[in-house]
């Protein structure tokens, strides 16, 4: 499931980057008032490079079972969380997709935690290998 989430988020970020860079995906330029951006060009590039790039790298690492794959996946999740929090803070408009892109990285974090065994029950005291 982690690999699927990473790939979906990478593809979504790259697709959104293409839309933002070319025409702003029909988003109102007035929504950028009060932000450091005059057009959607740089937000699109940042989205593709930061969110899409980290998710793509993490997906490749997870697929290869690389030693630092859980860390890469966690970094990708945090990058998406930072992106969506920043978007909500800077743009007053609210979209249902913002909720989705808040939940997806939390699912990624949960998958990483499960992969690392953080949800396994602790052994019962009688099962302890260090009995006196």
Protein backbone atom coordinates (compact mmCIF):
# COMPACT_ATOMS: atom_id res chain seq x y z
CA UNK A 1 0.00 0.00 0.00
CA UNK A 2 2.88 2.39 0.76
CA UNK A 3 4.27 2.02 -2.74
CA UNK A 4 0.84 2.73 -4.25
CA UNK A 5 0.41 5.87 -2.13
CA UNK A 6 3.87 7.13 -3.07
CA UNK A 7 3.31 6.56 -6.79
CA UNK A 8 -0.17 8.12 -6.74
CA UNK A 9 1.12 11.20 -4.91
CA UNK A 10 4.12 11.52 -7.25
CA UNK A 11 1.94 11.29 -10.35
CA UNK A 12 -0.57 13.72 -8.87
CA UNK A 13 2.16 16.24 -8.05
CA UNK A 14 3.72 15.98 -11.52
CA UNK A 15 0.33 16.30 -13.21
CA UNK A 16 -0.57 19.28 -11.05
CA UNK A 17 2.80 20.84 -11.78
CA UNK A 18 2.16 20.55 -15.52
CA UNK A 19 -1.24 22.17 -15.13
CA UNK A 20 -0.02 24.97 -12.88
CA UNK A 21 3.00 25.78 -15.03
CA UNK A 22 1.03 25.89 -18.28
CA UNK A 23 -2.19 27.67 -17.32
CA UNK A 24 -2.79 27.57 -13.58
CA UNK A 25 -5.35 24.77 -14.03
CA UNK A 26 -8.02 27.44 -14.25
CA UNK A 27 -7.25 28.69 -10.75
CA UNK A 28 -7.98 32.35 -10.15
CA UNK A 29 -4.75 34.43 -10.09
CA UNK A 30 -6.40 36.61 -7.41
CA UNK A 31 -5.96 33.70 -4.98
CA UNK A 32 -2.23 34.42 -5.05
CA UNK A 33 -2.67 37.92 -3.60
CA UNK A 34 -0.80 38.13 -0.33
CA UNK A 35 1.56 35.31 -1.33
CA UNK A 36 5.11 35.66 -2.67
CA UNK A 37 3.88 34.54 -6.12
CA UNK A 38 2.40 36.57 -8.99
CA UNK A 39 1.58 33.51 -11.12
CA UNK A 40 1.23 29.77 -10.60
CA UNK A 41 4.54 29.06 -12.40
CA UNK A 42 6.78 28.83 -9.31
CA UNK A 43 4.25 27.10 -7.08
CA UNK A 44 3.86 24.52 -9.86
CA UNK A 45 7.61 23.99 -10.14
CA UNK A 46 7.95 23.72 -6.36
CA UNK A 47 5.10 21.23 -6.20
CA UNK A 48 6.64 19.03 -8.87
CA UNK A 49 10.19 19.17 -7.56
CA UNK A 50 9.54 19.04 -3.81
CA UNK A 51 6.43 16.89 -3.50
CA UNK A 52 6.65 14.93 -6.75
CA UNK A 53 10.40 14.47 -6.53
CA UNK A 54 10.47 13.22 -2.96
CA UNK A 55 7.58 10.85 -3.65
CA UNK A 56 9.23 9.49 -6.80
CA UNK A 57 12.55 8.89 -5.03
CA UNK A 58 10.77 7.28 -2.08
CA UNK A 59 8.71 5.06 -4.39
CA UNK A 60 11.84 3.80 -6.14
CA UNK A 61 13.55 3.16 -2.80
CA UNK A 62 10.51 1.32 -1.41
CA UNK A 63 10.23 -0.79 -4.57
CA UNK A 64 13.89 -1.76 -4.22
CA UNK A 65 13.61 -2.26 -0.45
CA UNK A 66 16.53 0.12 0.00
CA UNK A 67 17.85 0.43 3.56
CA UNK A 68 16.71 4.04 3.91
CA UNK A 69 13.36 3.56 2.15
CA UNK A 70 11.28 4.13 5.31
CA UNK A 71 13.13 7.41 5.93
CA UNK A 72 12.61 8.49 2.31
CA UNK A 73 8.90 7.67 2.53
CA UNK A 74 8.58 9.60 5.77
CA UNK A 75 10.36 12.59 4.22
CA UNK A 76 7.98 12.46 1.25
CA UNK A 77 4.98 12.40 3.59
CA UNK A 78 6.29 15.35 5.60
CA UNK A 79 6.96 17.28 2.39
CA UNK A 80 3.34 16.82 1.30
CA UNK A 81 2.07 17.80 4.75
CA UNK A 82 4.19 20.97 4.71
CA UNK A 83 2.97 21.72 1.18
CA UNK A 84 -0.71 21.39 2.06
CA UNK A 85 -0.40 23.29 5.35
CA UNK A 86 1.41 26.11 3.54
CA UNK A 87 -1.24 26.16 0.82
CA UNK A 88 -4.03 26.40 3.38
CA UNK A 89 -2.21 29.20 5.21
CA UNK A 90 -1.46 31.26 2.08
CA UNK A 91 -4.59 30.76 -0.02
CA UNK A 92 -7.94 31.59 1.52
CA UNK A 93 -9.89 29.37 -0.87
CA UNK A 94 -10.67 25.86 0.42
CA UNK A 95 -11.01 22.74 -1.69
CA UNK A 96 -12.01 19.16 -0.86
CA UNK A 97 -8.69 18.06 -2.37
CA UNK A 98 -6.86 19.77 0.48
CA UNK A 99 -8.49 17.32 2.87
CA UNK A 100 -7.50 14.41 0.66
CA UNK A 101 -3.90 15.60 0.45
CA UNK A 102 -3.85 15.99 4.21
CA UNK A 103 -5.03 12.42 4.76
CA UNK A 104 -2.80 10.73 2.15
CA UNK A 105 0.53 11.59 3.82
CA UNK A 106 -0.90 10.50 7.17
CA UNK A 107 -1.64 7.13 5.55
CA UNK A 108 1.96 7.07 4.29
CA UNK A 109 3.20 7.68 7.83
CA UNK A 110 0.99 4.85 9.09
CA UNK A 111 2.35 2.50 6.42
CA UNK A 112 5.93 3.37 7.37
CA UNK A 113 5.14 2.79 11.04
CA UNK A 114 3.62 -0.60 10.22
CA UNK A 115 6.63 -1.49 8.05
CA UNK A 116 8.94 -0.68 10.94
CA UNK A 117 6.86 -2.86 13.25
CA UNK A 118 5.58 -0.09 15.49
CA UNK A 119 2.13 -1.67 15.68
CA UNK A 120 3.29 -5.10 16.85
CA UNK A 121 2.15 -6.01 20.34
CA UNK A 122 4.80 -6.09 23.01
CA UNK A 123 5.70 -9.58 24.23
CA UNK A 124 3.99 -10.72 27.41
CA UNK A 125 6.21 -10.63 30.50
CA UNK A 126 6.20 -14.43 30.68
CA UNK A 127 7.61 -14.57 27.13
CA UNK A 128 10.61 -12.47 28.06
CA UNK A 129 13.91 -14.18 27.13
CA UNK A 130 15.55 -12.51 30.16
CA UNK A 131 13.94 -14.52 32.95
CA UNK A 132 15.80 -14.56 36.26
